[in-house]
Amino acid sequence: MPATTPSQTTREKLLDAAEALLLQDGYDAVSVRRICTRASANSAAVHYHFGSKEQLVANLLETRLASVWAGGLDEAIAGPPSVPALVDAILAPMEELLADPIGAVRLSLLSRFVLTNPTAEWQTTWFDLDVWAQALTRAIPGLSLTDARRRCRVAFSLLLAQFGPGVPLPPTAAAALRQFLTAGLSGPSAPQPNSDEESLR
């Protein structure tokens, strides 16, 4: 195992400090200064290692949550194209997180952060909307990547708003949500206007 460098140690301390404060007080109440103080780090450490508070939180969410989605997404992409499989790959980890107190708070933080920071930069696969959109185009012949991306964005926004409060859904409501998402993502692709139609507009 390679030796841990001082830089890696500080980075991990910042992530741990940020998570503890965010889970306790919420995103808006936690400042960069508080994170650095809790991590016993220089006041400029967050900006040095992450660039901003927003990117620190994005990195934290990826570090803590990416593995929860990775297996299901890999299986959905590797298997036969299927909208229900993609929906399960999204939903199952959220239901798993909601069953755990810390997981539920992390999911609430994810919801709050993603819905208010749509331009955050992500590094891991499952946070990349295009990966989900490309999988959807495989499941729906003729669906453009642009339309697939739009559908996936709406689906994720709906799910994050639904699960953001951190309260598990009753089984009947969860089943209805799964059906609704499957139907919404599965709709036929919109017909493309031909050149004659375009010239008349």
Protein backbone atom coordinates (compact mmCIF):
# COMPACT_ATOMS: atom_id res chain seq x y z
CA MET A 1 0.00 0.00 0.00
CA PRO A 2 1.48 3.39 -0.99
CA ALA A 3 2.28 5.83 1.76
CA THR A 4 -0.34 8.47 2.48
CA THR A 5 0.86 11.92 1.53
CA PRO A 6 0.10 15.03 3.61
CA SER A 7 -2.05 16.29 0.72
CA GLN A 8 -4.19 13.13 0.72
CA THR A 9 -4.55 13.31 4.48
CA THR A 10 -5.79 16.91 4.35
CA ARG A 11 -8.17 16.11 1.51
CA GLU A 12 -9.72 13.22 3.42
CA LYS A 13 -9.96 15.30 6.58
CA LEU A 14 -11.82 17.98 4.65
CA LEU A 15 -14.24 15.43 3.21
CA ASP A 16 -14.88 13.88 6.63
CA ALA A 17 -15.34 17.30 8.25
CA ALA A 18 -17.67 18.47 5.50
CA GLU A 19 -19.80 15.34 5.75
CA ALA A 20 -20.14 15.58 9.52
CA LEU A 21 -21.19 19.22 9.35
CA LEU A 22 -23.48 18.81 6.34
CA LEU A 23 -25.30 15.82 7.80
CA GLN A 24 -25.77 17.70 11.05
CA ASP A 25 -26.61 21.23 9.89
CA GLY A 26 -27.46 21.11 6.18
CA TYR A 27 -25.84 22.66 3.14
CA ASP A 28 -26.73 26.31 3.66
CA ALA A 29 -25.56 26.43 7.29
CA VAL A 30 -22.06 25.08 6.59
CA SER A 31 -19.35 27.50 5.50
CA VAL A 32 -15.92 26.81 4.07
CA ARG A 33 -14.42 28.33 7.21
CA ARG A 34 -16.30 25.87 9.45
CA ILE A 35 -15.16 22.93 7.34
CA CYS A 36 -11.53 24.02 7.52
CA THR A 37 -11.74 24.66 11.26
CA ARG A 38 -13.21 21.22 11.94
CA ALA A 39 -10.56 19.59 9.76
CA SER A 40 -7.80 21.59 11.47
CA ALA A 41 -6.79 22.81 8.03
CA ASN A 42 -5.63 26.11 6.62
CA SER A 43 -8.51 28.43 5.69
CA ALA A 44 -7.56 28.15 2.00
CA ALA A 45 -7.45 24.34 2.00
CA VAL A 46 -10.91 23.82 0.48
CA HIS A 47 -10.10 26.09 -2.44
CA TYR A 48 -6.68 24.46 -2.89
CA HIS A 49 -7.98 20.88 -2.96
CA PHE A 50 -11.44 21.32 -4.51
CA GLY A 51 -11.74 24.81 -5.94
CA SER A 52 -14.95 25.70 -4.13
CA LYS A 53 -17.41 24.52 -1.51
CA GLU A 54 -19.68 23.27 -4.29
CA GLN A 55 -16.99 21.07 -5.79
CA LEU A 56 -16.02 19.76 -2.36
CA VAL A 57 -19.63 18.66 -1.82
CA ALA A 58 -19.81 17.15 -5.31
CA ASN A 59 -16.64 15.17 -4.58
CA LEU A 60 -18.01 14.12 -1.20
CA LEU A 61 -21.25 12.85 -2.72
CA GLU A 62 -19.39 10.93 -5.39
CA THR A 63 -17.00 9.44 -2.83
CA ARG A 64 -19.81 8.29 -0.54
CA LEU A 65 -22.51 7.35 -3.06
CA ALA A 66 -21.03 6.39 -6.43
CA SER A 67 -20.48 2.77 -5.41
CA VAL A 68 -24.15 2.45 -4.47
CA TRP A 69 -25.18 2.90 -8.11
CA ALA A 70 -22.16 1.43 -9.88
CA GLY A 71 -23.13 -2.25 -9.88
CA GLY A 72 -26.71 -1.75 -11.03
CA LEU A 73 -25.69 0.67 -13.76
CA ASP A 74 -22.97 -1.68 -15.03
CA GLU A 75 -25.47 -4.56 -15.16
CA ALA A 76 -28.10 -2.44 -16.91
CA ILE A 77 -25.61 -1.30 -19.54
CA ALA A 78 -24.07 -4.73 -20.06
CA GLY A 79 -27.38 -6.57 -20.30
CA PRO A 80 -30.05 -6.49 -23.01
CA PRO A 81 -31.41 -2.96 -23.57
CA SER A 82 -34.30 -2.50 -21.15
CA VAL A 83 -36.04 0.56 -19.73
CA PRO A 84 -37.29 -1.35 -16.64
CA ALA A 85 -33.71 -2.44 -15.92
CA LEU A 86 -32.54 1.17 -16.07
CA VAL A 87 -35.36 2.27 -13.78
CA ASP A 88 -34.45 -0.44 -11.27
CA ALA A 89 -30.77 0.59 -11.48
CA ILE A 90 -31.83 4.10 -10.44
CA LEU A 91 -34.53 3.26 -7.91
CA ALA A 92 -33.11 0.31 -6.01
CA PRO A 93 -30.10 2.21 -4.59
CA MET A 94 -32.34 5.09 -3.53
CA GLU A 95 -34.62 2.70 -1.67
CA GLU A 96 -31.54 1.11 -0.09
CA LEU A 97 -30.26 4.49 1.06
CA LEU A 98 -33.64 5.41 2.54
CA ALA A 99 -33.58 2.26 4.67
CA ASP A 100 -30.44 3.51 6.47
CA PRO A 101 -30.52 6.70 8.62
CA ILE A 102 -27.17 7.99 7.37
CA GLY A 103 -28.00 6.92 3.82
CA ALA A 104 -31.27 8.83 3.99
CA VAL A 105 -29.50 12.00 5.08
CA ARG A 106 -26.91 11.57 2.33
CA LEU A 107 -29.71 11.16 -0.21
CA SER A 108 -31.36 14.33 1.11
CA LEU A 109 -28.06 16.17 0.71
CA LEU A 110 -27.69 14.79 -2.82
CA SER A 111 -31.19 15.96 -3.69
CA ARG A 112 -30.69 19.44 -2.27
CA PHE A 113 -27.32 19.83 -3.93
CA VAL A 114 -28.17 18.53 -7.40
CA LEU A 115 -31.42 20.46 -7.69
CA THR A 116 -29.74 23.74 -6.72
CA ASN A 117 -26.37 23.21 -8.45
CA PRO A 118 -27.22 21.92 -11.94
CA THR A 119 -23.82 22.93 -13.32
CA ALA A 120 -21.72 21.05 -10.76
CA GLU A 121 -18.88 19.04 -12.29
CA TRP A 122 -18.93 15.28 -11.68
CA GLN A 123 -16.20 12.71 -12.24
CA THR A 124 -17.73 9.26 -11.70
CA THR A 125 -19.80 7.38 -14.25
CA TRP A 126 -23.21 7.22 -12.64
CA PHE A 127 -23.27 10.99 -12.08
CA ASP A 128 -22.76 11.51 -15.83
CA LEU A 129 -26.20 12.06 -17.40
CA ASP A 130 -24.93 11.06 -20.84
CA VAL A 131 -24.15 7.53 -19.65
CA TRP A 132 -27.79 7.02 -18.65
CA ALA A 133 -29.01 8.75 -21.81
CA GLN A 134 -26.88 6.52 -24.03
CA ALA A 135 -28.23 3.43 -22.26
CA LEU A 136 -31.77 4.72 -22.88
CA THR A 137 -31.12 5.17 -26.60
CA ARG A 138 -30.11 1.51 -26.74
CA ALA A 139 -33.41 0.53 -25.16
CA ILE A 140 -35.57 2.74 -27.41
CA PRO A 141 -34.66 2.50 -31.11
CA GLY A 142 -34.75 5.84 -32.87
CA LEU A 143 -34.56 7.92 -29.71
CA SER A 144 -32.05 10.73 -30.10
CA LEU A 145 -29.41 11.36 -27.48
CA THR A 146 -30.83 14.85 -26.94
CA ASP A 147 -34.31 13.49 -26.19
CA ALA A 148 -32.86 10.71 -24.04
CA ARG A 149 -30.85 13.23 -22.05
CA ARG A 150 -33.98 15.34 -21.52
CA ARG A 151 -35.99 12.33 -20.33
CA CYS A 152 -33.26 11.23 -17.95
CA ARG A 153 -32.92 14.73 -16.53
CA VAL A 154 -36.67 14.90 -15.83
CA ALA A 155 -36.65 11.42 -14.28
CA PHE A 156 -33.74 12.21 -11.96
CA SER A 157 -35.27 15.55 -10.96
CA LEU A 158 -38.54 13.83 -10.11
CA LEU A 159 -36.80 11.16 -8.06
CA LEU A 160 -34.60 13.58 -6.16
CA ALA A 161 -37.59 15.77 -5.34
CA GLN A 162 -39.57 12.70 -4.25
CA PHE A 163 -36.86 11.15 -2.09
CA GLY A 164 -35.20 14.37 -0.94
CA PRO A 165 -37.17 14.48 2.34
CA GLY A 166 -35.56 11.14 3.26
CA VAL A 167 -38.84 9.31 3.87
CA PRO A 168 -39.34 5.83 2.34
CA LEU A 169 -42.40 5.39 0.12
CA PRO A 170 -45.10 2.84 0.97
CA PRO A 171 -44.87 -0.23 -1.30
CA THR A 172 -47.89 0.77 -3.39
CA ALA A 173 -46.51 4.28 -3.93
CA ALA A 174 -43.06 2.91 -4.81
CA ALA A 175 -44.62 0.54 -7.35
CA ALA A 176 -46.64 3.37 -8.88
CA LEU A 177 -43.52 5.53 -9.12
CA ARG A 178 -41.62 2.73 -10.84
CA GLN A 179 -44.44 2.31 -13.37
CA PHE A 180 -44.64 6.05 -13.96
CA LEU A 181 -40.91 6.36 -14.59
CA THR A 182 -40.88 3.34 -16.90
CA ALA A 183 -43.77 4.74 -18.92
CA GLY A 184 -42.22 8.20 -19.11
CA LEU A 185 -38.83 6.94 -20.23
CA SER A 186 -40.33 4.40 -22.64
CA GLY A 187 -42.44 6.75 -24.74
CA PRO A 188 -41.93 6.54 -28.50
CA SER A 189 -39.40 8.90 -30.00
CA ALA A 190 -40.85 12.05 -31.51
CA PRO A 191 -41.02 11.97 -35.31
CA GLN A 192 -38.49 14.17 -37.02
CA PRO A 193 -39.98 16.72 -39.44
CA ASN A 194 -38.96 16.24 -43.05
CA SER A 195 -37.46 19.00 -45.15
CA ASP A 196 -40.77 19.79 -46.88
CA GLU A 197 -42.50 20.32 -43.55
CA GLU A 198 -39.62 22.51 -42.40
CA SER A 199 -39.85 24.69 -45.51
CA LEU A 200 -43.53 25.38 -44.82
CA ARG A 201 -42.83 26.74 -41.32
